[in-house]
Amino acid sequence: MLGWRRRKFFLPSHVYRKFFKRLIDLVCSLSGFVILLPVFLILTILLWAEHRTSPFFIQQRPGRNLRPIRIIKFRTMNDKRDRDGNLLPDDDRLTFTGKLVRRTSLDEIPQLINIIRGDMSLIGPRPLLSEYIPLYSPEQIRRHEVRPGITGWAQINGRNAIRWSEKFSYDVWYVDHISFWLDLKILFITVVKVLKAEGISGEGVLTTKKFDGGN
């Protein structure tokens, strides 16, 4: 993790963080959304036909400085419940199209709207559940000093296949080392890992176990 050294000769980190990171986010997200618009429309239709309800999953999560934001993703799971009214396990609710969308990370396309709105960044700690806030240590909660991202340092270093303590360690390290070159590296490796479908699932679960304050 500490092997990545900031390159100061191109763009000072504080200048990039304060001015250029948001500009790059806006240009890339707008361009990306236009390019991916046909895919966006096709998936919207397929998921609506499969779920017979909104194809989008919208949920409030903490953003920069814990400000609440509403993230937008494609809906990949149905709401099937057992006889007691409890939701079935994730792997029992994942739909056919949902499996394809999740495996290729296409469920993240709507979050380009979050970036355009200024709620998120291309690169940053992933926006997690609001219920985790009281469980963070003073060090772990520092992950919220920056805008959350679609991908990040933790995602290219294991994603859902590593422990929560490791994820948060990577997140905080990223907060302290933001630079243009680091973001570029994360973006490049993310593309490679998406193509290989690495780190999508945690050990014994479809995505990852919920954070309970431990590892």
Protein backbone atom coordinates (compact mmCIF):
# COMPACT_ATOMS: atom_id res chain seq x y z
CA MET A 1 0.00 0.00 0.00
CA LEU A 2 2.77 2.40 0.88
CA GLY A 3 4.69 1.50 -2.25
CA TRP A 4 2.84 4.15 -4.27
CA ARG A 5 4.77 7.41 -4.14
CA ARG A 6 3.22 10.72 -5.12
CA ARG A 7 4.74 12.36 -8.14
CA LYS A 8 5.01 16.06 -7.36
CA PHE A 9 6.65 17.10 -10.62
CA PHE A 10 3.41 17.21 -12.60
CA LEU A 11 0.64 18.64 -10.44
CA PRO A 12 0.86 19.45 -6.72
CA SER A 13 -1.53 17.25 -4.75
CA HIS A 14 -3.27 20.13 -2.96
CA VAL A 15 -3.89 21.92 -6.26
CA TYR A 16 -5.29 18.77 -7.86
CA ARG A 17 -7.48 18.01 -4.84
CA LYS A 18 -8.88 21.54 -4.58
CA PHE A 19 -9.38 22.48 -8.23
CA PHE A 20 -8.75 19.85 -10.89
CA LYS A 21 -10.21 16.68 -9.37
CA ARG A 22 -13.77 18.02 -9.51
CA LEU A 23 -13.25 19.39 -13.03
CA ILE A 24 -11.96 16.04 -14.27
CA ASP A 25 -14.86 14.27 -12.54
CA LEU A 26 -17.38 16.51 -14.28
CA VAL A 27 -15.83 16.19 -17.75
CA CYS A 28 -15.37 12.41 -17.49
CA SER A 29 -18.82 11.70 -16.01
CA LEU A 30 -20.63 13.82 -18.60
CA SER A 31 -18.66 12.25 -21.45
CA GLY A 32 -19.08 8.76 -20.03
CA PHE A 33 -22.81 9.14 -19.57
CA VAL A 34 -23.26 10.30 -23.17
CA ILE A 35 -21.15 7.40 -24.49
CA LEU A 36 -22.94 4.84 -22.29
CA LEU A 37 -26.43 6.26 -22.86
CA PRO A 38 -27.46 3.41 -25.24
CA VAL A 39 -26.34 0.81 -22.65
CA PHE A 40 -28.11 2.81 -19.93
CA LEU A 41 -31.39 2.79 -21.87
CA ILE A 42 -31.18 -0.91 -22.78
CA LEU A 43 -30.49 -1.96 -19.18
CA THR A 44 -33.26 0.32 -17.91
CA ILE A 45 -35.76 -1.45 -20.20
CA LEU A 46 -34.49 -4.96 -19.41
CA LEU A 47 -34.49 -4.42 -15.65
CA TRP A 48 -37.93 -2.79 -15.71
CA ALA A 49 -39.30 -5.78 -17.64
CA GLU A 50 -37.66 -8.18 -15.17
CA HIS A 51 -38.74 -6.40 -11.97
CA ARG A 52 -41.97 -4.76 -13.15
CA THR A 53 -41.03 -1.82 -10.98
CA SER A 54 -38.37 0.90 -10.97
CA PRO A 55 -35.12 -0.43 -12.45
CA PHE A 56 -33.17 1.85 -10.12
CA PHE A 57 -32.00 1.29 -6.56
CA ILE A 58 -31.87 4.58 -4.65
CA GLN A 59 -30.58 4.76 -1.09
CA GLN A 60 -29.38 7.48 1.27
CA ARG A 61 -25.76 7.14 2.30
CA PRO A 62 -23.17 9.44 3.91
CA GLY A 63 -21.09 11.54 1.54
CA ARG A 64 -18.27 14.01 2.11
CA ASN A 65 -18.18 15.19 5.75
CA LEU A 66 -21.06 12.75 6.41
CA ARG A 67 -23.52 14.88 4.42
CA PRO A 68 -26.39 12.60 3.33
CA ILE A 69 -26.52 11.83 -0.39
CA ARG A 70 -28.86 9.62 -2.39
CA ILE A 71 -26.90 7.15 -4.50
CA ILE A 72 -28.39 5.72 -7.69
CA LYS A 73 -27.62 2.23 -9.00
CA PHE A 74 -29.34 -0.27 -11.22
CA ARG A 75 -31.56 -2.67 -9.28
CA THR A 76 -30.02 -6.15 -9.47
CA MET A 77 -32.09 -7.97 -6.84
CA ASN A 78 -35.82 -8.50 -6.36
CA ASP A 79 -37.71 -8.12 -3.06
CA LYS A 80 -38.72 -11.75 -2.54
CA ARG A 81 -39.34 -12.69 1.10
CA ASP A 82 -39.83 -15.83 3.13
CA ARG A 83 -43.08 -16.82 4.84
CA ASP A 84 -42.17 -14.65 7.84
CA GLY A 85 -41.77 -11.57 5.68
CA ASN A 86 -37.96 -11.47 5.85
CA LEU A 87 -35.96 -10.77 2.71
CA LEU A 88 -34.36 -13.85 1.21
CA PRO A 89 -30.53 -14.03 1.06
CA ASP A 90 -28.89 -11.91 -1.63
CA ASP A 91 -27.96 -14.87 -3.83
CA ASP A 92 -31.64 -15.97 -3.88
CA ARG A 93 -32.83 -12.52 -4.95
CA LEU A 94 -30.29 -11.76 -7.66
CA THR A 95 -32.06 -11.78 -11.02
CA PHE A 96 -30.75 -13.12 -14.33
CA THR A 97 -30.04 -9.65 -15.75
CA GLY A 98 -28.84 -8.57 -12.32
CA LYS A 99 -26.11 -11.21 -12.36
CA LEU A 100 -24.82 -9.92 -15.68
CA VAL A 101 -25.02 -6.29 -14.62
CA ARG A 102 -23.27 -6.92 -11.29
CA ARG A 103 -20.55 -9.12 -12.80
CA THR A 104 -19.66 -6.42 -15.35
CA SER A 105 -20.11 -3.57 -12.82
CA LEU A 106 -22.67 -1.96 -15.16
CA ASP A 107 -24.90 -1.38 -12.12
CA GLU A 108 -22.62 1.58 -11.35
CA ILE A 109 -23.54 3.52 -14.53
CA PRO A 110 -26.33 5.57 -12.86
CA GLN A 111 -23.80 6.82 -10.31
CA LEU A 112 -22.37 8.99 -13.08
CA ILE A 113 -25.43 11.14 -12.31
CA ASN A 114 -24.24 11.37 -8.69
CA ILE A 115 -20.85 12.58 -9.94
CA ILE A 116 -22.42 15.18 -12.22
CA ARG A 117 -24.47 16.45 -9.27
CA GLY A 118 -21.33 16.74 -7.15
CA ASP A 119 -22.30 14.08 -4.61
CA MET A 120 -19.57 11.67 -5.66
CA SER A 121 -16.24 11.44 -7.45
CA LEU A 122 -14.91 8.92 -9.95
CA ILE A 123 -12.23 7.91 -7.44
CA GLY A 124 -12.74 7.79 -3.69
CA PRO A 125 -13.86 5.55 -0.80
CA ARG A 126 -17.07 3.71 -1.65
CA PRO A 127 -20.27 5.18 -0.11
CA LEU A 128 -21.35 2.71 2.56
CA LEU A 129 -24.49 2.33 4.70
CA SER A 130 -25.39 5.15 7.08
CA GLU A 131 -25.84 2.60 9.88
CA TYR A 132 -22.05 2.06 9.89
CA ILE A 133 -21.28 5.62 11.06
CA PRO A 134 -21.49 4.92 14.84
CA LEU A 135 -19.29 1.84 14.36
CA TYR A 136 -16.29 3.63 12.84
CA SER A 137 -13.19 4.33 14.87
CA PRO A 138 -11.91 7.97 14.85
CA GLU A 139 -9.37 6.91 12.21
CA GLN A 140 -11.82 4.98 10.04
CA ILE A 141 -14.34 7.84 9.88
CA ARG A 142 -11.69 9.96 8.15
CA ARG A 143 -12.68 8.14 4.94
CA HIS A 144 -15.49 10.71 4.79
CA GLU A 145 -13.14 13.69 4.46
CA VAL A 146 -13.44 13.37 0.67
CA ARG A 147 -16.26 12.67 -1.77
CA PRO A 148 -17.08 8.95 -2.06
CA GLY A 149 -16.21 7.34 -5.38
CA ILE A 150 -17.37 4.72 -7.85
CA THR A 151 -14.01 3.01 -7.43
CA GLY A 152 -11.11 3.53 -5.08
CA TRP A 153 -7.83 2.34 -3.57
CA ALA A 154 -9.61 -0.36 -1.55
CA GLN A 155 -11.46 -1.60 -4.63
CA ILE A 156 -8.28 -2.29 -6.60
CA ASN A 157 -6.69 -3.91 -3.55
CA GLY A 158 -9.29 -6.60 -2.97
CA ARG A 159 -12.75 -4.97 -3.13
CA ASN A 160 -15.16 -7.37 -1.36
CA ALA A 161 -12.56 -10.09 -0.90
CA ILE A 162 -10.69 -8.32 1.93
CA ARG A 163 -11.61 -7.58 5.56
CA TRP A 164 -13.38 -4.37 6.56
CA SER A 165 -10.37 -3.20 8.59
CA GLU A 166 -8.21 -3.50 5.47
CA LYS A 167 -10.74 -1.61 3.34
CA PHE A 168 -10.86 1.27 5.79
CA SER A 169 -7.08 1.33 6.06
CA TYR A 170 -6.84 1.66 2.28
CA ASP A 171 -9.56 4.35 2.27
CA VAL A 172 -7.80 6.51 4.86
CA TRP A 173 -4.46 6.05 3.12
CA TYR A 174 -6.08 7.32 -0.08
CA VAL A 175 -7.44 10.40 1.73
CA ASP A 176 -3.89 11.27 2.80
CA HIS A 177 -2.30 10.60 -0.61
CA ILE A 178 -4.72 11.91 -3.22
CA SER A 179 -2.96 12.89 -6.44
CA PHE A 180 -3.59 12.93 -10.17
CA TRP A 181 -1.22 10.02 -10.74
CA LEU A 182 -2.76 7.92 -7.99
CA ASP A 183 -6.27 8.47 -9.40
CA LEU A 184 -5.03 7.58 -12.87
CA LYS A 185 -3.45 4.38 -11.55
CA ILE A 186 -6.66 3.42 -9.71
CA LEU A 187 -8.77 4.06 -12.82
CA PHE A 188 -6.51 1.93 -15.02
CA ILE A 189 -6.36 -1.00 -12.59
CA THR A 190 -10.13 -0.79 -12.05
CA VAL A 191 -10.73 -1.35 -15.78
CA VAL A 192 -8.46 -4.40 -15.71
CA LYS A 193 -10.17 -5.86 -12.63
CA VAL A 194 -13.66 -5.25 -14.03
CA LEU A 195 -12.70 -7.15 -17.17
CA LYS A 196 -11.42 -10.00 -14.99
CA ALA A 197 -14.42 -9.75 -12.60
CA GLU A 198 -12.09 -9.87 -9.58
CA GLY A 199 -13.08 -9.25 -5.96
CA ILE A 200 -16.85 -9.08 -6.55
CA SER A 201 -17.71 -11.50 -3.75
CA GLY A 202 -16.52 -11.86 -0.19
CA GLU A 203 -15.72 -15.23 1.35
CA GLY A 204 -18.92 -17.32 1.54
CA VAL A 205 -21.25 -14.47 0.47
CA LEU A 206 -22.49 -12.97 -2.77
CA THR A 207 -21.14 -9.47 -2.15
CA THR A 208 -19.71 -8.83 1.32
CA LYS A 209 -20.72 -9.28 4.96
CA LYS A 210 -22.16 -6.27 6.76
CA PHE A 211 -19.78 -4.25 8.91
CA ASP A 212 -20.39 -4.85 12.63
CA GLY A 213 -17.57 -2.77 14.06
CA GLY A 214 -15.03 -5.59 13.91
CA ASN A 215 -12.68 -6.77 11.17
